[in-house]
Amino acid sequence: MNNPRVKNLRRELLSDNWYKLEKLTFEFLSNDGDWETQQRESYDRGNGATILLYNQAKRTVILTRQFRVPTYVNGNADGMLIEACAGLLEVNNPEDCIRKETEEETGYSISNVERILEAYMSPGSVTEVLYFFLGAYEERMKTSDGGGDEDESENIEVLELDFDTCLQMIDKGEIKDAKTIMLIYHARIRGIM
């Protein structure tokens, strides 16, 4: 934290129930040279990783479907969301994390992952940096049915979908998850699929 346009940053903990929600008060030097006092809320859930599993020969990808209560209360009819495999880093580095999450959620044990980018997904209020990966899969890599970690109350359905169908699902609004859309379009732009 080294920005000369920010001073007197104060933090007030609002909630530490699931993750940390803080009220941040600070002074910011505006473009016209005046110091403005501003307040924001910041949600710290840690950093995460996500991966698009793809099979070039079959032209398929592995995605998941699970209930996401924030989408449900915001108008997503049944709250079910189709997404790329993802998880929080916890103590692992991004590569180790995404390998572990891939096996837990999808049942595929992969060793080679390619980090392609990192991004803030909602920088106005959430501190999370998300690390994006690609990983090729084959049937021989399937070690279980996946479905997620029972201790985390995950009820994940594993989907193997045709890549072109995924593009159509984005166009139709059937895939609405930002990280998944970014990964699918990245694979398309790079000519992987």
N, C-alpha and C. Protein backbone atom coordinates (compact mmCIF):
# COMPACT_ATOMS: atom_id res chain seq x y z
N MET A 1 0.86 -1.18 0.00
CA MET A 1 0.00 0.00 0.00
C MET A 1 0.89 1.23 0.00
N ASN A 2 1.08 1.77 -1.20
CA ASN A 2 2.00 2.88 -1.34
C ASN A 2 1.47 3.84 -2.40
N ASN A 3 0.38 4.52 -2.09
CA ASN A 3 -0.21 5.47 -3.01
C ASN A 3 -0.24 6.84 -2.33
N PRO A 4 0.52 7.82 -2.83
CA PRO A 4 0.57 9.13 -2.18
C PRO A 4 -0.77 9.88 -2.22
N ARG A 5 -1.73 9.39 -3.00
CA ARG A 5 -3.05 10.04 -3.06
C ARG A 5 -4.01 9.51 -1.99
N VAL A 6 -3.53 8.55 -1.16
CA VAL A 6 -4.36 7.99 -0.10
C VAL A 6 -3.68 8.21 1.24
N LYS A 7 -4.45 8.70 2.23
CA LYS A 7 -3.89 8.85 3.58
C LYS A 7 -4.98 8.60 4.61
N ASN A 8 -4.52 8.36 5.83
CA ASN A 8 -5.41 8.17 6.98
C ASN A 8 -6.44 7.07 6.76
N LEU A 9 -5.99 5.94 6.28
CA LEU A 9 -6.89 4.79 6.09
C LEU A 9 -7.23 4.19 7.44
N ARG A 10 -8.53 4.10 7.72
CA ARG A 10 -9.02 3.49 8.96
C ARG A 10 -9.97 2.36 8.61
N ARG A 11 -9.89 1.29 9.39
CA ARG A 11 -10.71 0.09 9.16
C ARG A 11 -11.64 -0.14 10.34
N GLU A 12 -12.88 -0.47 10.04
CA GLU A 12 -13.84 -0.85 11.07
C GLU A 12 -14.44 -2.20 10.67
N LEU A 13 -14.27 -3.20 11.50
CA LEU A 13 -14.79 -4.52 11.22
C LEU A 13 -16.31 -4.52 11.41
N LEU A 14 -17.04 -4.85 10.34
CA LEU A 14 -18.49 -4.92 10.40
C LEU A 14 -18.99 -6.34 10.64
N SER A 15 -18.26 -7.31 10.07
CA SER A 15 -18.65 -8.71 10.23
C SER A 15 -17.44 -9.60 9.97
N ASP A 16 -17.34 -10.64 10.76
CA ASP A 16 -16.32 -11.66 10.56
C ASP A 16 -17.00 -13.02 10.65
N ASN A 17 -18.24 -13.08 10.15
CA ASN A 17 -19.07 -14.26 10.27
C ASN A 17 -18.66 -15.35 9.29
N TRP A 18 -18.63 -15.05 8.02
CA TRP A 18 -18.25 -16.03 6.98
C TRP A 18 -16.86 -15.66 6.46
N TYR A 19 -16.75 -14.42 5.99
CA TYR A 19 -15.47 -13.81 5.65
C TYR A 19 -15.47 -12.44 6.29
N LYS A 20 -14.52 -11.59 5.96
CA LYS A 20 -14.39 -10.31 6.65
C LYS A 20 -15.00 -9.17 5.84
N LEU A 21 -15.95 -8.47 6.46
CA LEU A 21 -16.54 -7.27 5.88
C LEU A 21 -16.08 -6.08 6.71
N GLU A 22 -15.43 -5.11 6.04
CA GLU A 22 -14.92 -3.93 6.73
C GLU A 22 -15.48 -2.66 6.12
N LYS A 23 -15.62 -1.65 6.98
CA LYS A 23 -15.90 -0.29 6.52
C LYS A 23 -14.57 0.43 6.50
N LEU A 24 -14.20 0.96 5.34
CA LEU A 24 -12.93 1.66 5.17
C LEU A 24 -13.20 3.16 5.03
N THR A 25 -12.53 3.95 5.84
CA THR A 25 -12.62 5.41 5.76
C THR A 25 -11.21 5.91 5.45
N PHE A 26 -11.10 6.81 4.47
CA PHE A 26 -9.78 7.29 4.05
C PHE A 26 -9.93 8.65 3.38
N GLU A 27 -8.79 9.30 3.24
CA GLU A 27 -8.75 10.56 2.50
C GLU A 27 -8.08 10.27 1.16
N PHE A 28 -8.68 10.84 0.09
CA PHE A 28 -8.18 10.62 -1.26
C PHE A 28 -7.96 11.97 -1.93
N LEU A 29 -6.79 12.16 -2.54
CA LEU A 29 -6.46 13.39 -3.24
C LEU A 29 -7.12 13.37 -4.61
N SER A 30 -8.14 14.22 -4.80
CA SER A 30 -8.89 14.23 -6.05
C SER A 30 -8.08 14.88 -7.17
N ASN A 31 -8.58 14.75 -8.37
CA ASN A 31 -7.89 15.31 -9.54
C ASN A 31 -7.78 16.83 -9.47
N ASP A 32 -8.68 17.49 -8.73
CA ASP A 32 -8.60 18.96 -8.62
C ASP A 32 -7.72 19.42 -7.46
N GLY A 33 -7.05 18.47 -6.77
CA GLY A 33 -6.10 18.81 -5.72
C GLY A 33 -6.67 18.88 -4.32
N ASP A 34 -7.96 18.60 -4.16
CA ASP A 34 -8.58 18.62 -2.84
C ASP A 34 -8.55 17.23 -2.21
N TRP A 35 -8.37 17.20 -0.88
CA TRP A 35 -8.46 15.93 -0.15
C TRP A 35 -9.92 15.68 0.19
N GLU A 36 -10.43 14.53 -0.24
CA GLU A 36 -11.82 14.15 0.03
C GLU A 36 -11.84 12.98 1.00
N THR A 37 -12.72 13.03 2.00
CA THR A 37 -12.92 11.88 2.88
C THR A 37 -13.94 10.97 2.21
N GLN A 38 -13.57 9.70 2.07
CA GLN A 38 -14.45 8.73 1.42
C GLN A 38 -14.63 7.52 2.34
N GLN A 39 -15.75 6.82 2.14
CA GLN A 39 -16.02 5.58 2.87
C GLN A 39 -16.46 4.52 1.87
N ARG A 40 -15.97 3.32 2.08
CA ARG A 40 -16.35 2.18 1.25
C ARG A 40 -16.45 0.96 2.16
N GLU A 41 -17.20 -0.04 1.72
CA GLU A 41 -17.20 -1.33 2.38
C GLU A 41 -16.39 -2.29 1.52
N SER A 42 -15.62 -3.13 2.17
CA SER A 42 -14.75 -4.06 1.47
C SER A 42 -14.96 -5.46 2.04
N TYR A 43 -15.16 -6.42 1.16
CA TYR A 43 -15.40 -7.81 1.55
C TYR A 43 -14.16 -8.62 1.20
N ASP A 44 -13.53 -9.20 2.23
CA ASP A 44 -12.31 -9.97 2.04
C ASP A 44 -12.60 -11.44 2.24
N ARG A 45 -12.61 -12.20 1.15
CA ARG A 45 -12.86 -13.64 1.19
C ARG A 45 -11.62 -14.42 0.79
N GLY A 46 -10.50 -13.74 0.63
CA GLY A 46 -9.28 -14.39 0.19
C GLY A 46 -9.22 -14.41 -1.33
N ASN A 47 -8.17 -14.99 -1.85
CA ASN A 47 -7.98 -15.09 -3.30
C ASN A 47 -8.38 -16.48 -3.76
N GLY A 48 -8.61 -16.61 -5.07
CA GLY A 48 -9.08 -17.88 -5.60
C GLY A 48 -8.43 -18.25 -6.92
N ALA A 49 -8.83 -19.42 -7.41
CA ALA A 49 -8.32 -19.92 -8.69
C ALA A 49 -9.47 -20.60 -9.42
N THR A 50 -9.42 -20.56 -10.75
CA THR A 50 -10.43 -21.18 -11.58
C THR A 50 -9.76 -21.80 -12.81
N ILE A 51 -10.41 -22.81 -13.38
CA ILE A 51 -9.81 -23.53 -14.51
C ILE A 51 -10.87 -23.93 -15.52
N LEU A 52 -10.48 -23.88 -16.78
CA LEU A 52 -11.30 -24.46 -17.85
C LEU A 52 -10.62 -25.76 -18.26
N LEU A 53 -11.27 -26.87 -17.98
CA LEU A 53 -10.79 -28.17 -18.43
C LEU A 53 -11.30 -28.37 -19.85
N TYR A 54 -10.41 -28.71 -20.76
CA TYR A 54 -10.81 -28.85 -22.17
C TYR A 54 -10.20 -30.11 -22.77
N ASN A 55 -10.90 -30.65 -23.76
CA ASN A 55 -10.42 -31.80 -24.51
C ASN A 55 -10.51 -31.41 -25.99
N GLN A 56 -9.35 -31.14 -26.60
CA GLN A 56 -9.33 -30.67 -27.99
C GLN A 56 -9.88 -31.72 -28.95
N ALA A 57 -9.54 -32.97 -28.75
CA ALA A 57 -9.97 -34.02 -29.68
C ALA A 57 -11.49 -34.14 -29.71
N LYS A 58 -12.12 -34.06 -28.54
CA LYS A 58 -13.58 -34.18 -28.45
C LYS A 58 -14.29 -32.84 -28.62
N ARG A 59 -13.53 -31.73 -28.52
CA ARG A 59 -14.08 -30.37 -28.54
C ARG A 59 -15.09 -30.17 -27.40
N THR A 60 -14.68 -30.62 -26.20
CA THR A 60 -15.55 -30.51 -25.04
C THR A 60 -14.82 -29.81 -23.90
N VAL A 61 -15.62 -29.33 -22.95
CA VAL A 61 -15.10 -28.74 -21.72
C VAL A 61 -15.87 -29.34 -20.54
N ILE A 62 -15.23 -29.31 -19.38
CA ILE A 62 -15.87 -29.75 -18.15
C ILE A 62 -16.26 -28.50 -17.37
N LEU A 63 -17.55 -28.38 -17.07
CA LEU A 63 -18.06 -27.30 -16.23
C LEU A 63 -18.85 -27.93 -15.08
N THR A 64 -19.29 -27.11 -14.17
CA THR A 64 -20.07 -27.59 -13.04
C THR A 64 -21.38 -26.81 -12.95
N ARG A 65 -22.35 -27.40 -12.24
CA ARG A 65 -23.59 -26.68 -11.95
C ARG A 65 -23.85 -26.85 -10.46
N GLN A 66 -24.11 -25.71 -9.80
CA GLN A 66 -24.43 -25.76 -8.38
C GLN A 66 -25.29 -24.58 -7.97
N PHE A 67 -25.92 -24.73 -6.83
CA PHE A 67 -26.80 -23.69 -6.30
C PHE A 67 -25.95 -22.56 -5.71
N ARG A 68 -26.27 -21.33 -6.12
CA ARG A 68 -25.58 -20.14 -5.61
C ARG A 68 -26.65 -19.20 -5.05
N VAL A 69 -26.77 -19.13 -3.74
CA VAL A 69 -27.84 -18.37 -3.11
C VAL A 69 -27.81 -16.88 -3.48
N PRO A 70 -26.64 -16.20 -3.62
CA PRO A 70 -26.69 -14.79 -4.02
C PRO A 70 -27.37 -14.59 -5.39
N THR A 71 -27.16 -15.54 -6.32
CA THR A 71 -27.84 -15.39 -7.62
C THR A 71 -29.33 -15.64 -7.48
N TYR A 72 -29.69 -16.53 -6.57
CA TYR A 72 -31.09 -16.86 -6.34
C TYR A 72 -31.86 -15.65 -5.81
N VAL A 73 -31.28 -14.96 -4.82
CA VAL A 73 -31.97 -13.80 -4.25
C VAL A 73 -31.91 -12.59 -5.17
N ASN A 74 -31.08 -12.67 -6.23
CA ASN A 74 -30.98 -11.56 -7.19
C ASN A 74 -31.70 -11.88 -8.50
N GLY A 75 -32.62 -12.85 -8.46
CA GLY A 75 -33.47 -13.06 -9.62
C GLY A 75 -33.12 -14.24 -10.51
N ASN A 76 -32.05 -14.97 -10.24
CA ASN A 76 -31.74 -16.17 -11.02
C ASN A 76 -32.75 -17.24 -10.58
N ALA A 77 -33.69 -17.54 -11.43
CA ALA A 77 -34.91 -18.30 -11.09
C ALA A 77 -34.70 -19.43 -10.10
N ASP A 78 -33.82 -20.37 -10.41
CA ASP A 78 -33.65 -21.51 -9.51
C ASP A 78 -32.33 -21.45 -8.73
N GLY A 79 -31.53 -20.42 -8.97
CA GLY A 79 -30.27 -20.26 -8.25
C GLY A 79 -29.15 -21.16 -8.72
N MET A 80 -29.42 -22.01 -9.72
CA MET A 80 -28.40 -22.91 -10.22
C MET A 80 -27.53 -22.15 -11.23
N LEU A 81 -26.22 -22.31 -11.09
CA LEU A 81 -25.28 -21.59 -11.95
C LEU A 81 -24.31 -22.57 -12.58
N ILE A 82 -24.10 -22.42 -13.88
CA ILE A 82 -23.11 -23.22 -14.60
C ILE A 82 -21.80 -22.45 -14.56
N GLU A 83 -20.73 -23.11 -14.09
CA GLU A 83 -19.47 -22.42 -13.91
C GLU A 83 -18.28 -23.33 -14.14
N ALA A 84 -17.14 -22.70 -14.35
CA ALA A 84 -15.87 -23.42 -14.38
C ALA A 84 -15.51 -23.79 -12.94
N CYS A 85 -14.78 -24.85 -12.79
CA CYS A 85 -14.30 -25.28 -11.48
C CYS A 85 -13.49 -24.15 -10.85
N ALA A 86 -13.68 -23.92 -9.54
CA ALA A 86 -12.97 -22.84 -8.87
C ALA A 86 -12.93 -23.11 -7.37
N GLY A 87 -12.03 -22.41 -6.69
CA GLY A 87 -11.97 -22.51 -5.24
C GLY A 87 -11.06 -21.46 -4.64
N LEU A 88 -11.18 -21.29 -3.33
CA LEU A 88 -10.33 -20.35 -2.61
C LEU A 88 -8.95 -20.95 -2.38
N LEU A 89 -7.94 -20.09 -2.34
CA LEU A 89 -6.57 -20.56 -2.22
C LEU A 89 -6.25 -21.20 -0.89
N GLU A 90 -6.86 -20.78 0.18
CA GLU A 90 -6.54 -21.28 1.52
C GLU A 90 -5.03 -21.10 1.74
N VAL A 91 -4.26 -22.16 1.96
CA VAL A 91 -2.82 -22.02 2.19
C VAL A 91 -2.00 -22.41 0.96
N ASN A 92 -2.63 -22.93 -0.05
CA ASN A 92 -1.92 -23.42 -1.24
C ASN A 92 -1.59 -22.30 -2.21
N ASN A 93 -0.60 -22.55 -3.06
CA ASN A 93 -0.36 -21.63 -4.15
C ASN A 93 -1.45 -21.87 -5.20
N PRO A 94 -1.66 -20.97 -6.15
CA PRO A 94 -2.75 -21.13 -7.11
C PRO A 94 -2.72 -22.44 -7.89
N GLU A 95 -1.55 -22.89 -8.31
CA GLU A 95 -1.46 -24.13 -9.09
C GLU A 95 -1.89 -25.33 -8.26
N ASP A 96 -1.39 -25.43 -7.02
CA ASP A 96 -1.78 -26.54 -6.16
C ASP A 96 -3.26 -26.49 -5.82
N CYS A 97 -3.75 -25.28 -5.57
CA CYS A 97 -5.16 -25.10 -5.24
C CYS A 97 -6.05 -25.60 -6.37
N ILE A 98 -5.75 -25.20 -7.61
CA ILE A 98 -6.66 -25.55 -8.70
C ILE A 98 -6.59 -27.03 -9.02
N ARG A 99 -5.45 -27.66 -8.82
CA ARG A 99 -5.39 -29.12 -8.99
C ARG A 99 -6.28 -29.83 -7.97
N LYS A 100 -6.20 -29.38 -6.71
CA LYS A 100 -7.01 -29.96 -5.63
C LYS A 100 -8.50 -29.74 -5.90
N GLU A 101 -8.88 -28.51 -6.24
CA GLU A 101 -10.28 -28.19 -6.51
C GLU A 101 -10.81 -28.97 -7.71
N THR A 102 -9.97 -29.13 -8.73
CA THR A 102 -10.38 -29.86 -9.92
C THR A 102 -10.75 -31.30 -9.56
N GLU A 103 -9.91 -31.93 -8.75
CA GLU A 103 -10.19 -33.31 -8.36
C GLU A 103 -11.43 -33.41 -7.48
N GLU A 104 -11.57 -32.49 -6.50
CA GLU A 104 -12.73 -32.51 -5.61
C GLU A 104 -14.04 -32.27 -6.37
N GLU A 105 -14.04 -31.24 -7.23
CA GLU A 105 -15.28 -30.83 -7.88
C GLU A 105 -15.63 -31.67 -9.10
N THR A 106 -14.63 -32.00 -9.92
CA THR A 106 -14.92 -32.66 -11.20
C THR A 106 -14.55 -34.13 -11.23
N GLY A 107 -13.69 -34.58 -10.34
CA GLY A 107 -13.24 -35.96 -10.35
C GLY A 107 -12.06 -36.22 -11.26
N TYR A 108 -11.52 -35.18 -11.91
CA TYR A 108 -10.37 -35.35 -12.79
C TYR A 108 -9.10 -34.99 -12.04
N SER A 109 -8.10 -35.86 -12.13
CA SER A 109 -6.80 -35.61 -11.53
C SER A 109 -5.85 -35.14 -12.63
N ILE A 110 -5.54 -33.85 -12.60
CA ILE A 110 -4.68 -33.28 -13.64
C ILE A 110 -3.38 -32.81 -13.03
N SER A 111 -2.31 -32.88 -13.80
CA SER A 111 -1.03 -32.40 -13.28
C SER A 111 -0.57 -31.14 -14.00
N ASN A 112 -0.84 -31.04 -15.29
CA ASN A 112 -0.38 -29.88 -16.07
C ASN A 112 -1.48 -28.83 -16.16
N VAL A 113 -1.19 -27.67 -15.60
CA VAL A 113 -2.10 -26.53 -15.69
C VAL A 113 -1.31 -25.34 -16.22
N GLU A 114 -1.99 -24.50 -16.97
CA GLU A 114 -1.36 -23.31 -17.55
C GLU A 114 -2.03 -22.07 -16.98
N ARG A 115 -1.25 -21.26 -16.24
CA ARG A 115 -1.81 -20.00 -15.73
C ARG A 115 -1.86 -19.02 -16.88
N ILE A 116 -3.04 -18.45 -17.11
CA ILE A 116 -3.21 -17.56 -18.27
C ILE A 116 -3.40 -16.09 -17.88
N LEU A 117 -3.98 -15.83 -16.72
CA LEU A 117 -4.17 -14.44 -16.31
C LEU A 117 -4.62 -14.41 -14.87
N GLU A 118 -4.65 -13.21 -14.32
CA GLU A 118 -5.25 -12.99 -13.01
C GLU A 118 -6.07 -11.71 -13.10
N ALA A 119 -7.18 -11.69 -12.34
CA ALA A 119 -8.09 -10.56 -12.46
C ALA A 119 -8.85 -10.33 -11.16
N TYR A 120 -9.17 -9.06 -10.91
CA TYR A 120 -10.12 -8.70 -9.86
C TYR A 120 -11.50 -8.80 -10.50
N MET A 121 -12.41 -9.54 -9.88
CA MET A 121 -13.72 -9.76 -10.49
C MET A 121 -14.74 -8.70 -10.10
N SER A 122 -14.60 -8.11 -8.94
CA SER A 122 -15.53 -7.07 -8.49
C SER A 122 -14.77 -6.08 -7.62
N PRO A 123 -13.85 -5.29 -8.24
CA PRO A 123 -12.90 -4.49 -7.47
C PRO A 123 -13.51 -3.33 -6.69
N GLY A 124 -14.77 -3.02 -6.93
CA GLY A 124 -15.40 -1.94 -6.17
C GLY A 124 -15.73 -2.34 -4.74
N SER A 125 -15.78 -3.65 -4.47
CA SER A 125 -16.18 -4.06 -3.12
C SER A 125 -15.52 -5.35 -2.62
N VAL A 126 -14.91 -6.14 -3.49
CA VAL A 126 -14.35 -7.43 -3.09
C VAL A 126 -12.85 -7.42 -3.34
N THR A 127 -12.07 -7.88 -2.35
CA THR A 127 -10.61 -7.84 -2.45
C THR A 127 -10.04 -8.97 -3.30
N GLU A 128 -10.80 -10.00 -3.60
CA GLU A 128 -10.31 -11.22 -4.24
C GLU A 128 -9.63 -11.01 -5.59
N VAL A 129 -8.44 -11.61 -5.73
CA VAL A 129 -7.78 -11.77 -7.02
C VAL A 129 -8.05 -13.22 -7.43
N LEU A 130 -8.47 -13.41 -8.66
CA LEU A 130 -8.76 -14.75 -9.17
C LEU A 130 -7.70 -15.12 -10.21
N TYR A 131 -7.07 -16.28 -10.02
CA TYR A 131 -6.05 -16.79 -10.93
C TYR A 131 -6.73 -17.74 -11.91
N PHE A 132 -6.55 -17.51 -13.20
CA PHE A 132 -7.21 -18.28 -14.25
C PHE A 132 -6.24 -19.28 -14.87
N PHE A 133 -6.74 -20.51 -15.09
CA PHE A 133 -5.94 -21.59 -15.65
C PHE A 133 -6.69 -22.30 -16.77
N LEU A 134 -5.91 -22.93 -17.63
CA LEU A 134 -6.41 -23.89 -18.61
C LEU A 134 -5.76 -25.23 -18.30
N GLY A 135 -6.49 -26.31 -18.55
CA GLY A 135 -5.93 -27.64 -18.34
C GLY A 135 -6.60 -28.65 -19.26
N ALA A 136 -5.78 -29.39 -19.99
CA ALA A 136 -6.32 -30.43 -20.87
C ALA A 136 -6.69 -31.65 -20.03
N TYR A 137 -7.80 -32.29 -20.41
CA TYR A 137 -8.20 -33.50 -19.71
C TYR A 137 -8.47 -34.62 -20.71
N GLU A 138 -8.33 -35.84 -20.23
CA GLU A 138 -8.68 -37.05 -20.97
C GLU A 138 -9.44 -37.96 -20.03
N GLU A 139 -10.18 -38.91 -20.58
CA GLU A 139 -10.98 -39.81 -19.75
C GLU A 139 -10.13 -40.58 -18.75
N ARG A 140 -8.91 -40.93 -19.11
CA ARG A 140 -8.04 -41.71 -18.21
C ARG A 140 -7.69 -40.93 -16.94
N MET A 141 -7.91 -39.62 -16.93
CA MET A 141 -7.60 -38.78 -15.77
C MET A 141 -8.73 -38.78 -14.75
N LYS A 142 -9.87 -39.35 -15.09
CA LYS A 142 -11.02 -39.35 -14.18
C LYS A 142 -10.78 -40.38 -13.08
N THR A 143 -10.75 -39.90 -11.84
CA THR A 143 -10.47 -40.77 -10.69
C THR A 143 -11.68 -40.94 -9.77
N SER A 144 -12.69 -40.08 -9.93
CA SER A 144 -13.90 -40.16 -9.10
C SER A 144 -15.04 -39.45 -9.81
N ASP A 145 -16.21 -39.43 -9.17
CA ASP A 145 -17.36 -38.74 -9.74
C ASP A 145 -17.32 -37.24 -9.47
N GLY A 146 -16.41 -36.79 -8.61
CA GLY A 146 -16.37 -35.37 -8.26
C GLY A 146 -17.56 -35.02 -7.38
N GLY A 147 -18.06 -33.82 -7.53
CA GLY A 147 -19.23 -33.39 -6.77
C GLY A 147 -18.93 -32.45 -5.63
N GLY A 148 -17.65 -32.24 -5.32
CA GLY A 148 -17.29 -31.29 -4.28
C GLY A 148 -16.99 -31.94 -2.96
N ASP A 149 -16.61 -31.11 -2.00
CA ASP A 149 -16.24 -31.52 -0.66
C ASP A 149 -17.49 -31.58 0.21
N GLU A 150 -17.80 -32.75 0.76
CA GLU A 150 -18.98 -32.91 1.61
C GLU A 150 -18.92 -32.01 2.83
N ASP A 151 -17.72 -31.77 3.37
CA ASP A 151 -17.58 -30.91 4.54
C ASP A 151 -17.95 -29.46 4.24
N GLU A 152 -17.94 -29.08 2.98
CA GLU A 152 -18.27 -27.70 2.58
C GLU A 152 -19.69 -27.59 2.04
N SER A 153 -20.50 -28.65 2.21
CA SER A 153 -21.88 -28.68 1.73
C SER A 153 -21.99 -28.37 0.24
N GLU A 154 -21.03 -28.88 -0.52
CA GLU A 154 -21.06 -28.68 -1.97
C GLU A 154 -21.88 -29.80 -2.60
N ASN A 155 -22.79 -29.45 -3.44
CA ASN A 155 -23.60 -30.40 -4.20
C ASN A 155 -23.42 -30.07 -5.66
N ILE A 156 -22.30 -30.49 -6.21
CA ILE A 156 -21.89 -30.07 -7.55
C ILE A 156 -22.20 -31.15 -8.57
N GLU A 157 -22.85 -30.72 -9.64
CA GLU A 157 -23.10 -31.60 -10.78
C GLU A 157 -22.01 -31.33 -11.82
N VAL A 158 -21.37 -32.38 -12.30
CA VAL A 158 -20.30 -32.25 -13.29
C VAL A 158 -20.91 -32.36 -14.68
N LEU A 159 -20.56 -31.41 -15.55
CA LEU A 159 -21.10 -31.36 -16.91
C LEU A 159 -19.97 -31.46 -17.92
N GLU A 160 -20.09 -32.33 -18.90
CA GLU A 160 -19.18 -32.34 -20.04
C GLU A 160 -19.98 -31.80 -21.22
N LEU A 161 -19.56 -30.63 -21.72
CA LEU A 161 -20.34 -29.94 -22.74
C LEU A 161 -19.50 -29.68 -23.98
N ASP A 162 -20.17 -29.72 -25.11
CA ASP A 162 -19.56 -29.36 -26.39
C ASP A 162 -19.18 -27.87 -26.34
N PHE A 163 -17.99 -27.55 -26.84
CA PHE A 163 -17.50 -26.18 -26.76
C PHE A 163 -18.42 -25.20 -27.49
N ASP A 164 -18.87 -25.55 -28.70
CA ASP A 164 -19.76 -24.66 -29.45
C ASP A 164 -21.09 -24.48 -28.73
N THR A 165 -21.56 -25.52 -28.06
CA THR A 165 -22.78 -25.40 -27.26
C THR A 165 -22.59 -24.40 -26.14
N CYS A 166 -21.40 -24.39 -25.52
CA CYS A 166 -21.11 -23.42 -24.45
C CYS A 166 -21.19 -21.99 -24.99
N LEU A 167 -20.65 -21.76 -26.18
CA LEU A 167 -20.73 -20.42 -26.77
C LEU A 167 -22.18 -20.02 -26.98
N GLN A 168 -23.01 -20.94 -27.45
CA GLN A 168 -24.43 -20.66 -27.63
C GLN A 168 -25.12 -20.41 -26.29
N MET A 169 -24.73 -21.16 -25.27
CA MET A 169 -25.32 -20.97 -23.94
C MET A 169 -24.99 -19.59 -23.37
N ILE A 170 -23.80 -19.09 -23.66
CA ILE A 170 -23.45 -17.72 -23.26
C ILE A 170 -24.36 -16.74 -23.97
N ASP A 171 -24.51 -16.91 -25.29
CA ASP A 171 -25.36 -16.00 -26.07
C ASP A 171 -26.81 -16.01 -25.59
N LYS A 172 -27.28 -17.17 -25.13
CA LYS A 172 -28.67 -17.31 -24.67
C LYS A 172 -28.85 -16.92 -23.20
N GLY A 173 -27.77 -16.60 -22.52
CA GLY A 173 -27.86 -16.24 -21.11
C GLY A 173 -27.96 -17.45 -20.18
N GLU A 174 -27.61 -18.63 -20.68
CA GLU A 174 -27.66 -19.84 -19.85
C GLU A 174 -26.37 -20.02 -19.05
N ILE A 175 -25.29 -19.45 -19.53
CA ILE A 175 -24.04 -19.37 -18.76
C ILE A 175 -23.86 -17.89 -18.46
N LYS A 176 -23.92 -17.55 -17.15
CA LYS A 176 -23.87 -16.15 -16.72
C LYS A 176 -22.68 -15.84 -15.83
N ASP A 177 -21.90 -16.85 -15.49
CA ASP A 177 -20.78 -16.67 -14.58
C ASP A 177 -19.61 -16.01 -15.31
N ALA A 178 -19.13 -14.90 -14.77
CA ALA A 178 -18.10 -14.10 -15.45
C ALA A 178 -16.81 -14.87 -15.68
N LYS A 179 -16.33 -15.60 -14.66
CA LYS A 179 -15.06 -16.30 -14.82
C LYS A 179 -15.16 -17.36 -15.91
N THR A 180 -16.30 -18.01 -15.99
CA THR A 180 -16.52 -19.06 -16.99
C THR A 180 -16.56 -18.45 -18.39
N ILE A 181 -17.26 -17.35 -18.54
CA ILE A 181 -17.34 -16.67 -19.83
C ILE A 181 -15.94 -16.23 -20.26
N MET A 182 -15.17 -15.68 -19.34
CA MET A 182 -13.81 -15.25 -19.67
C MET A 182 -12.95 -16.42 -20.13
N LEU A 183 -13.04 -17.54 -19.44
CA LEU A 183 -12.24 -18.72 -19.81
C LEU A 183 -12.65 -19.27 -21.17
N ILE A 184 -13.94 -19.36 -21.41
CA ILE A 184 -14.42 -19.90 -22.69
C ILE A 184 -13.99 -19.00 -23.85
N TYR A 185 -14.15 -17.70 -23.68
CA TYR A 185 -13.72 -16.79 -24.75
C TYR A 185 -12.21 -16.77 -24.91
N HIS A 186 -11.49 -16.92 -23.83
CA HIS A 186 -10.02 -17.00 -23.93
C HIS A 186 -9.62 -18.21 -24.76
N ALA A 187 -10.25 -19.35 -24.49
CA ALA A 187 -9.95 -20.56 -25.26
C ALA A 187 -10.29 -20.36 -26.74
N ARG A 188 -11.36 -19.65 -27.00
CA ARG A 188 -11.76 -19.39 -28.39
C ARG A 188 -10.77 -18.45 -29.08
N ILE A 189 -10.40 -17.37 -28.41
CA ILE A 189 -9.50 -16.38 -29.00
C ILE A 189 -8.12 -16.99 -29.27
N ARG A 190 -7.65 -17.82 -28.34
CA ARG A 190 -6.34 -18.45 -28.53
C ARG A 190 -6.37 -19.60 -29.52
N GLY A 191 -7.54 -19.99 -29.97
CA GLY A 191 -7.64 -21.09 -30.93
C GLY A 191 -7.45 -22.46 -30.31
N ILE A 192 -7.61 -22.54 -28.99
CA ILE A 192 -7.48 -23.84 -28.32
C ILE A 192 -8.65 -24.74 -28.69
N MET A 193 -9.81 -24.14 -28.85
CA MET A 193 -11.00 -24.91 -29.22
C MET A 193 -11.59 -24.34 -30.50
